[in-house]
Amino acid sequence: MKYLLGIDVGTTGTKTLLFRQDGVLVGQAYESYPLHTPEAGFCEQNPEDWWNALCHTVRAVSDDLEVRQNIAAMSLSTQGGTTLCVDAQ
């Protein structure tokens, strides 16, 4: 059996869905993270929260070795209009 993995890294949390190749949903996981608003008109998040939520939710739906070895495809949706600065410059 082959599996399909869908991941949505959203504004307030990450949702991961696992489907069998015939389209039947067989697993789902969600992990939220904080949204910081330091001042009016500003919104910030810690990108490590995105990564940790992605790792946790993918592990949660694919904890079975047979599933992990048979993921045939993955679809990823992420936040629109997001800027991630990678260093001080």
N, C-alpha and C. Protein backbone atom coordinates (compact mmCIF):
# COMPACT_ATOMS: atom_id res chain seq x y z
N MET A 1 0.85 -1.18 0.00
CA MET A 1 0.00 0.00 0.00
C MET A 1 0.89 1.24 0.00
N LYS A 2 0.60 2.17 -0.88
CA LYS A 2 1.29 3.45 -0.93
C LYS A 2 0.47 4.51 -0.20
N TYR A 3 1.16 5.55 0.29
CA TYR A 3 0.52 6.60 1.07
C TYR A 3 0.86 7.97 0.50
N LEU A 4 -0.01 8.94 0.76
CA LEU A 4 0.16 10.32 0.33
C LEU A 4 0.13 11.20 1.56
N LEU A 5 1.05 12.14 1.64
CA LEU A 5 1.19 13.00 2.80
C LEU A 5 0.87 14.43 2.40
N GLY A 6 -0.03 15.08 3.12
CA GLY A 6 -0.37 16.47 2.89
C GLY A 6 -0.02 17.30 4.11
N ILE A 7 0.74 18.37 3.94
CA ILE A 7 1.20 19.20 5.06
C ILE A 7 0.82 20.65 4.79
N ASP A 8 0.16 21.27 5.77
CA ASP A 8 -0.22 22.68 5.69
C ASP A 8 0.44 23.42 6.85
N VAL A 9 1.47 24.20 6.56
CA VAL A 9 2.13 25.03 7.57
C VAL A 9 1.40 26.37 7.56
N GLY A 10 0.46 26.53 8.47
CA GLY A 10 -0.40 27.70 8.47
C GLY A 10 0.02 28.76 9.46
N THR A 11 -0.81 29.78 9.57
CA THR A 11 -0.51 30.92 10.43
C THR A 11 -0.54 30.57 11.90
N THR A 12 -1.46 29.70 12.31
CA THR A 12 -1.60 29.39 13.73
C THR A 12 -1.17 27.98 14.09
N GLY A 13 -0.85 27.16 13.08
CA GLY A 13 -0.43 25.80 13.37
C GLY A 13 -0.17 25.02 12.10
N THR A 14 0.34 23.81 12.29
CA THR A 14 0.63 22.91 11.17
C THR A 14 -0.28 21.70 11.25
N LYS A 15 -0.90 21.38 10.11
CA LYS A 15 -1.76 20.21 10.01
C LYS A 15 -1.14 19.26 9.01
N THR A 16 -1.08 17.99 9.36
CA THR A 16 -0.57 16.96 8.47
C THR A 16 -1.62 15.87 8.32
N LEU A 17 -1.88 15.49 7.08
CA LEU A 17 -2.85 14.44 6.77
C LEU A 17 -2.15 13.32 6.02
N LEU A 18 -2.54 12.09 6.33
CA LEU A 18 -2.00 10.92 5.65
C LEU A 18 -3.16 10.18 4.99
N PHE A 19 -3.02 9.93 3.69
CA PHE A 19 -4.05 9.23 2.92
C PHE A 19 -3.47 7.96 2.35
N ARG A 20 -4.31 6.94 2.23
CA ARG A 20 -3.93 5.78 1.42
C ARG A 20 -3.99 6.20 -0.03
N GLN A 21 -3.36 5.45 -0.90
CA GLN A 21 -3.34 5.80 -2.32
C GLN A 21 -4.74 5.83 -2.94
N ASP A 22 -5.72 5.18 -2.31
CA ASP A 22 -7.09 5.20 -2.82
C ASP A 22 -7.88 6.40 -2.30
N GLY A 23 -7.21 7.31 -1.56
CA GLY A 23 -7.85 8.54 -1.09
C GLY A 23 -8.47 8.48 0.29
N VAL A 24 -8.40 7.35 0.95
CA VAL A 24 -8.97 7.22 2.29
C VAL A 24 -8.03 7.85 3.31
N LEU A 25 -8.57 8.77 4.13
CA LEU A 25 -7.79 9.40 5.19
C LEU A 25 -7.51 8.38 6.29
N VAL A 26 -6.22 8.19 6.61
CA VAL A 26 -5.86 7.20 7.64
C VAL A 26 -5.13 7.81 8.83
N GLY A 27 -4.79 9.10 8.76
CA GLY A 27 -4.13 9.74 9.90
C GLY A 27 -4.13 11.24 9.75
N GLN A 28 -4.21 11.92 10.91
CA GLN A 28 -4.11 13.37 10.89
C GLN A 28 -3.54 13.85 12.23
N ALA A 29 -2.82 14.97 12.16
CA ALA A 29 -2.23 15.55 13.36
C ALA A 29 -2.17 17.06 13.18
N TYR A 30 -2.26 17.76 14.30
CA TYR A 30 -2.21 19.22 14.29
C TYR A 30 -1.38 19.68 15.48
N GLU A 31 -0.56 20.69 15.25
CA GLU A 31 0.20 21.32 16.35
C GLU A 31 0.16 22.83 16.14
N SER A 32 -0.26 23.53 17.18
CA SER A 32 -0.33 24.99 17.09
C SER A 32 0.98 25.61 17.56
N TYR A 33 1.13 26.89 17.24
CA TYR A 33 2.28 27.67 17.71
C TYR A 33 1.82 29.11 17.89
N PRO A 34 2.57 29.86 18.71
CA PRO A 34 2.14 31.23 19.03
C PRO A 34 2.36 32.21 17.87
N LEU A 35 1.55 33.23 17.89
CA LEU A 35 1.64 34.34 16.96
C LEU A 35 1.90 35.58 17.81
N HIS A 36 3.06 36.21 17.64
CA HIS A 36 3.45 37.35 18.45
C HIS A 36 3.12 38.65 17.72
N THR A 37 2.53 39.58 18.42
CA THR A 37 2.21 40.90 17.86
C THR A 37 2.87 41.96 18.75
N PRO A 38 4.16 42.25 18.51
CA PRO A 38 4.90 43.16 19.37
C PRO A 38 4.39 44.60 19.35
N GLU A 39 3.74 44.98 18.25
CA GLU A 39 3.13 46.31 18.16
C GLU A 39 2.08 46.28 17.06
N ALA A 40 1.27 47.31 17.02
CA ALA A 40 0.19 47.37 16.04
C ALA A 40 0.74 47.23 14.62
N GLY A 41 0.13 46.36 13.83
CA GLY A 41 0.54 46.17 12.45
C GLY A 41 1.69 45.19 12.26
N PHE A 42 2.22 44.63 13.36
CA PHE A 42 3.33 43.69 13.28
C PHE A 42 2.86 42.31 13.72
N CYS A 43 3.40 41.30 13.08
CA CYS A 43 3.10 39.92 13.43
C CYS A 43 4.38 39.10 13.23
N GLU A 44 4.79 38.38 14.27
CA GLU A 44 6.03 37.61 14.20
C GLU A 44 5.81 36.19 14.71
N GLN A 45 6.63 35.28 14.17
CA GLN A 45 6.64 33.90 14.64
C GLN A 45 8.08 33.40 14.65
N ASN A 46 8.32 32.39 15.46
CA ASN A 46 9.62 31.75 15.53
C ASN A 46 9.62 30.63 14.48
N PRO A 47 10.48 30.70 13.46
CA PRO A 47 10.49 29.66 12.43
C PRO A 47 10.82 28.27 12.97
N GLU A 48 11.50 28.20 14.11
CA GLU A 48 11.75 26.89 14.72
C GLU A 48 10.43 26.24 15.15
N ASP A 49 9.43 27.05 15.49
CA ASP A 49 8.12 26.50 15.83
C ASP A 49 7.51 25.82 14.61
N TRP A 50 7.68 26.40 13.42
CA TRP A 50 7.17 25.78 12.19
C TRP A 50 7.84 24.42 11.97
N TRP A 51 9.18 24.43 12.09
CA TRP A 51 9.94 23.20 11.85
C TRP A 51 9.55 22.12 12.86
N ASN A 52 9.49 22.48 14.14
CA ASN A 52 9.15 21.50 15.16
C ASN A 52 7.75 20.94 14.96
N ALA A 53 6.80 21.80 14.62
CA ALA A 53 5.43 21.34 14.37
C ALA A 53 5.38 20.42 13.16
N LEU A 54 6.11 20.75 12.10
CA LEU A 54 6.16 19.89 10.93
C LEU A 54 6.71 18.51 11.31
N CYS A 55 7.82 18.49 12.03
CA CYS A 55 8.43 17.21 12.43
C CYS A 55 7.49 16.40 13.31
N HIS A 56 6.88 17.04 14.29
CA HIS A 56 5.99 16.33 15.22
C HIS A 56 4.76 15.76 14.52
N THR A 57 4.14 16.55 13.63
CA THR A 57 2.92 16.07 12.99
C THR A 57 3.20 14.98 11.96
N VAL A 58 4.32 15.10 11.24
CA VAL A 58 4.67 14.04 10.28
C VAL A 58 4.97 12.75 11.03
N ARG A 59 5.70 12.85 12.12
CA ARG A 59 5.98 11.64 12.92
C ARG A 59 4.70 11.03 13.47
N ALA A 60 3.77 11.88 13.89
CA ALA A 60 2.53 11.40 14.48
C ALA A 60 1.70 10.57 13.50
N VAL A 61 1.67 10.97 12.23
CA VAL A 61 0.86 10.23 11.26
C VAL A 61 1.62 9.09 10.59
N SER A 62 2.94 9.06 10.75
CA SER A 62 3.73 8.01 10.07
C SER A 62 4.61 7.26 11.07
N ASP A 63 4.05 6.98 12.25
CA ASP A 63 4.84 6.30 13.27
C ASP A 63 5.08 4.83 12.96
N ASP A 64 4.36 4.29 12.00
CA ASP A 64 4.51 2.91 11.59
C ASP A 64 5.58 2.81 10.49
N LEU A 65 6.53 1.92 10.65
CA LEU A 65 7.63 1.77 9.69
C LEU A 65 7.12 1.45 8.29
N GLU A 66 6.09 0.62 8.18
CA GLU A 66 5.53 0.27 6.87
C GLU A 66 5.00 1.52 6.17
N VAL A 67 4.38 2.42 6.92
CA VAL A 67 3.87 3.67 6.35
C VAL A 67 5.03 4.54 5.88
N ARG A 68 6.02 4.77 6.75
CA ARG A 68 7.16 5.63 6.39
C ARG A 68 7.88 5.15 5.14
N GLN A 69 8.00 3.86 4.98
CA GLN A 69 8.71 3.32 3.83
C GLN A 69 7.88 3.35 2.55
N ASN A 70 6.60 3.68 2.67
CA ASN A 70 5.72 3.63 1.50
C ASN A 70 5.01 4.94 1.21
N ILE A 71 5.57 6.06 1.64
CA ILE A 71 5.01 7.36 1.27
C ILE A 71 5.46 7.66 -0.16
N ALA A 72 4.49 7.72 -1.06
CA ALA A 72 4.78 7.87 -2.48
C ALA A 72 4.86 9.32 -2.92
N ALA A 73 4.14 10.22 -2.21
CA ALA A 73 4.11 11.62 -2.62
C ALA A 73 3.77 12.49 -1.43
N MET A 74 4.17 13.76 -1.55
CA MET A 74 3.91 14.72 -0.49
C MET A 74 3.52 16.04 -1.13
N SER A 75 2.57 16.72 -0.51
CA SER A 75 2.16 18.05 -0.95
C SER A 75 2.33 19.00 0.23
N LEU A 76 2.91 20.17 -0.02
CA LEU A 76 3.20 21.13 1.05
C LEU A 76 2.57 22.48 0.72
N SER A 77 1.83 23.01 1.67
CA SER A 77 1.25 24.34 1.54
C SER A 77 1.78 25.16 2.72
N THR A 78 2.23 26.39 2.42
CA THR A 78 2.77 27.22 3.49
C THR A 78 2.12 28.60 3.47
N GLN A 79 2.48 29.38 4.48
CA GLN A 79 1.92 30.72 4.62
C GLN A 79 2.27 31.59 3.43
N GLY A 80 1.33 32.39 2.99
CA GLY A 80 1.59 33.33 1.91
C GLY A 80 2.06 34.66 2.49
N GLY A 81 2.86 35.38 1.76
CA GLY A 81 3.30 36.70 2.20
C GLY A 81 4.19 36.68 3.42
N THR A 82 4.97 35.64 3.59
CA THR A 82 5.85 35.52 4.76
C THR A 82 7.29 35.84 4.36
N THR A 83 7.97 36.60 5.19
CA THR A 83 9.39 36.89 5.00
C THR A 83 10.16 36.28 6.15
N LEU A 84 11.22 35.57 5.85
CA LEU A 84 12.04 34.96 6.89
C LEU A 84 13.48 35.46 6.71
N CYS A 85 13.92 36.30 7.64
CA CYS A 85 15.29 36.81 7.63
C CYS A 85 16.20 35.71 8.17
N VAL A 86 17.30 35.44 7.48
CA VAL A 86 18.17 34.34 7.88
C VAL A 86 19.39 34.77 8.69
N ASP A 87 19.69 36.07 8.72
CA ASP A 87 20.77 36.56 9.57
C ASP A 87 20.61 38.07 9.78
N ALA A 88 21.51 38.67 10.52
CA ALA A 88 21.39 40.09 10.86
C ALA A 88 21.49 41.01 9.65
N GLN A 89 22.17 40.60 8.59
CA GLN A 89 22.30 41.42 7.39
C GLN A 89 21.10 41.26 6.48
